[in-house]
Amino acid sequence: MRTLMTIQIEAEAGSRALESGALRETLRRLAERVRPEAAYAFYADGVRTVLLVFDLRDATQLPAVTEPLFRELQAQVNVCPAMPLGDLLASWH
């Protein structure tokens, strides 16, 4: 299932993780694990934010994917199913 994951990292925790190298390493491992088809980093709501689009084959993958984000970055993570607009429009025929 195509999945949209938004990761938000609070400023203080993000700064510590950036200085220690944990931010780079945690996000690198995440990208290796989920192989996103799209990945963006930006600021939203005043915090560091990462947006990933990837294929989640099974919901049982979620703890392994999200736990390092909680533990190492104190991140807030939002995960939801997504589909291309073309697929949605085709489903309405």
C-alpha atoms as a PDB file:
ATOM      1  CA  MET A   1       0.000   0.000   0.000  1.00  0.00           C
ATOM      2  CA  ARG A   2       1.373   3.391  -0.953  1.00  0.00           C
ATOM      3  CA  THR A   3       1.984   5.254   2.285  1.00  0.00           C
ATOM      4  CA  LEU A   4       2.566   8.893   3.145  1.00  0.00           C
ATOM      5  CA  MET A   5       4.706   9.448   6.236  1.00  0.00           C
ATOM      6  CA  THR A   6       5.235  12.853   7.797  1.00  0.00           C
ATOM      7  CA  ILE A   7       7.980  13.143  10.402  1.00  0.00           C
ATOM      8  CA  GLN A   8       8.201  16.272  12.546  1.00  0.00           C
ATOM      9  CA  ILE A   9      11.213  16.846  14.768  1.00  0.00           C
ATOM     10  CA  GLU A  10      11.000  19.438  17.535  1.00  0.00           C
ATOM     11  CA  ALA A  11      13.707  22.121  17.338  1.00  0.00           C
ATOM     12  CA  GLU A  12      15.685  21.284  20.496  1.00  0.00           C
ATOM     13  CA  ALA A  13      15.705  17.511  19.955  1.00  0.00           C
ATOM     14  CA  GLY A  14      16.470  18.051  16.270  1.00  0.00           C
ATOM     15  CA  SER A  15      19.413  20.309  17.048  1.00  0.00           C
ATOM     16  CA  ARG A  16      20.884  17.739  19.438  1.00  0.00           C
ATOM     17  CA  ALA A  17      20.388  14.978  16.862  1.00  0.00           C
ATOM     18  CA  LEU A  18      21.944  17.125  14.159  1.00  0.00           C
ATOM     19  CA  GLU A  19      25.036  17.856  16.273  1.00  0.00           C
ATOM     20  CA  SER A  20      25.482  14.199  17.291  1.00  0.00           C
ATOM     21  CA  GLY A  21      24.940  12.844  13.780  1.00  0.00           C
ATOM     22  CA  ALA A  22      21.837  10.913  14.848  1.00  0.00           C
ATOM     23  CA  LEU A  23      19.551  12.927  12.565  1.00  0.00           C
ATOM     24  CA  ARG A  24      21.486  12.055   9.424  1.00  0.00           C
ATOM     25  CA  GLU A  25      22.036   8.419  10.413  1.00  0.00           C
ATOM     26  CA  THR A  26      18.436   7.764  11.478  1.00  0.00           C
ATOM     27  CA  LEU A  27      17.021   9.252   8.279  1.00  0.00           C
ATOM     28  CA  ARG A  28      19.586   7.385   6.156  1.00  0.00           C
ATOM     29  CA  ARG A  29      18.600   4.058   7.750  1.00  0.00           C
ATOM     30  CA  LEU A  30      14.915   4.880   7.305  1.00  0.00           C
ATOM     31  CA  ALA A  31      15.413   5.616   3.596  1.00  0.00           C
ATOM     32  CA  GLU A  32      17.319   2.362   3.166  1.00  0.00           C
ATOM     33  CA  ARG A  33      14.518   0.443   4.880  1.00  0.00           C
ATOM     34  CA  VAL A  34      11.493   1.909   3.066  1.00  0.00           C
ATOM     35  CA  ARG A  35      13.090   2.931  -0.274  1.00  0.00           C
ATOM     36  CA  PRO A  36      10.823   5.974  -0.760  1.00  0.00           C
ATOM     37  CA  GLU A  37       9.618   6.909  -4.228  1.00  0.00           C
ATOM     38  CA  ALA A  38       9.669  10.524  -3.038  1.00  0.00           C
ATOM     39  CA  ALA A  39      11.309  12.222  -0.047  1.00  0.00           C
ATOM     40  CA  TYR A  40      11.287  15.884   0.939  1.00  0.00           C
ATOM     41  CA  ALA A  41      12.715  17.839   3.851  1.00  0.00           C
ATOM     42  CA  PHE A  42      11.322  21.251   4.786  1.00  0.00           C
ATOM     43  CA  TYR A  43      10.168  23.400   7.690  1.00  0.00           C
ATOM     44  CA  ALA A  44       6.487  23.287   8.659  1.00  0.00           C
ATOM     45  CA  ASP A  45       4.820  24.619  11.774  1.00  0.00           C
ATOM     46  CA  GLY A  46       8.241  25.870  12.890  1.00  0.00           C
ATOM     47  CA  VAL A  47       9.880  22.427  13.033  1.00  0.00           C
ATOM     48  CA  ARG A  48      12.051  20.245  10.840  1.00  0.00           C
ATOM     49  CA  THR A  49       9.741  18.088   8.740  1.00  0.00           C
ATOM     50  CA  VAL A  50      10.374  15.131   6.449  1.00  0.00           C
ATOM     51  CA  LEU A  51       7.780  13.738   4.045  1.00  0.00           C
ATOM     52  CA  LEU A  52       8.186  10.268   2.539  1.00  0.00           C
ATOM     53  CA  VAL A  53       6.052   8.366   0.033  1.00  0.00           C
ATOM     54  CA  PHE A  54       6.744   4.638  -0.028  1.00  0.00           C
ATOM     55  CA  ASP A  55       5.186   1.208  -0.389  1.00  0.00           C
ATOM     56  CA  LEU A  56       4.237  -0.326   2.955  1.00  0.00           C
ATOM     57  CA  ARG A  57       3.844  -4.020   2.179  1.00  0.00           C
ATOM     58  CA  ASP A  58       2.451  -4.948   5.585  1.00  0.00           C
ATOM     59  CA  ALA A  59       1.271  -2.952   8.609  1.00  0.00           C
ATOM     60  CA  THR A  60       3.510  -5.108  10.817  1.00  0.00           C
ATOM     61  CA  GLN A  61       6.462  -3.138   9.365  1.00  0.00           C
ATOM     62  CA  LEU A  62       5.328   0.043  11.132  1.00  0.00           C
ATOM     63  CA  PRO A  63       6.947  -0.529  14.548  1.00  0.00           C
ATOM     64  CA  ALA A  64      10.352  -1.223  12.990  1.00  0.00           C
ATOM     65  CA  VAL A  65      10.024   1.836  10.761  1.00  0.00           C
ATOM     66  CA  THR A  66       8.724   4.299  13.352  1.00  0.00           C
ATOM     67  CA  GLU A  67      10.385   3.265  16.621  1.00  0.00           C
ATOM     68  CA  PRO A  68      13.842   4.669  15.746  1.00  0.00           C
ATOM     69  CA  LEU A  69      12.195   7.995  14.895  1.00  0.00           C
ATOM     70  CA  PHE A  70      10.545   8.155  18.307  1.00  0.00           C
ATOM     71  CA  ARG A  71      13.563   6.903  20.245  1.00  0.00           C
ATOM     72  CA  GLU A  72      16.413   8.681  18.456  1.00  0.00           C
ATOM     73  CA  LEU A  73      14.735  11.907  17.295  1.00  0.00           C
ATOM     74  CA  GLN A  74      11.754  12.306  19.653  1.00  0.00           C
ATOM     75  CA  ALA A  75       9.785  12.803  16.427  1.00  0.00           C
ATOM     76  CA  GLN A  76       6.073  13.012  15.889  1.00  0.00           C
ATOM     77  CA  VAL A  77       5.125  10.635  13.080  1.00  0.00           C
ATOM     78  CA  ASN A  78       1.961  10.567  11.011  1.00  0.00           C
ATOM     79  CA  VAL A  79       1.349   7.641   8.653  1.00  0.00           C
ATOM     80  CA  CYS A  80      -1.576   7.344   6.255  1.00  0.00           C
ATOM     81  CA  PRO A  81      -2.473   5.435   3.107  1.00  0.00           C
ATOM     82  CA  ALA A  82      -2.325   7.430  -0.124  1.00  0.00           C
ATOM     83  CA  MET A  83      -2.983   7.002  -3.824  1.00  0.00           C
ATOM     84  CA  PRO A  84      -2.176   8.951  -6.971  1.00  0.00           C
ATOM     85  CA  LEU A  85      -4.957  11.274  -8.064  1.00  0.00           C
ATOM     86  CA  GLY A  86      -5.286   9.321 -11.311  1.00  0.00           C
ATOM     87  CA  ASP A  87      -6.099   6.142  -9.372  1.00  0.00           C
ATOM     88  CA  LEU A  88      -8.723   7.972  -7.352  1.00  0.00           C
ATOM     89  CA  LEU A  89     -10.346   9.463 -10.451  1.00  0.00           C
ATOM     90  CA  ALA A  90     -10.348   6.058 -12.167  1.00  0.00           C
ATOM     91  CA  SER A  91     -12.130   4.514  -9.174  1.00  0.00           C
ATOM     92  CA  TRP A  92     -15.041   6.954  -9.635  1.00  0.00           C
ATOM     93  CA  HIS A  93     -16.052   5.832 -13.146  1.00  0.00           C
END
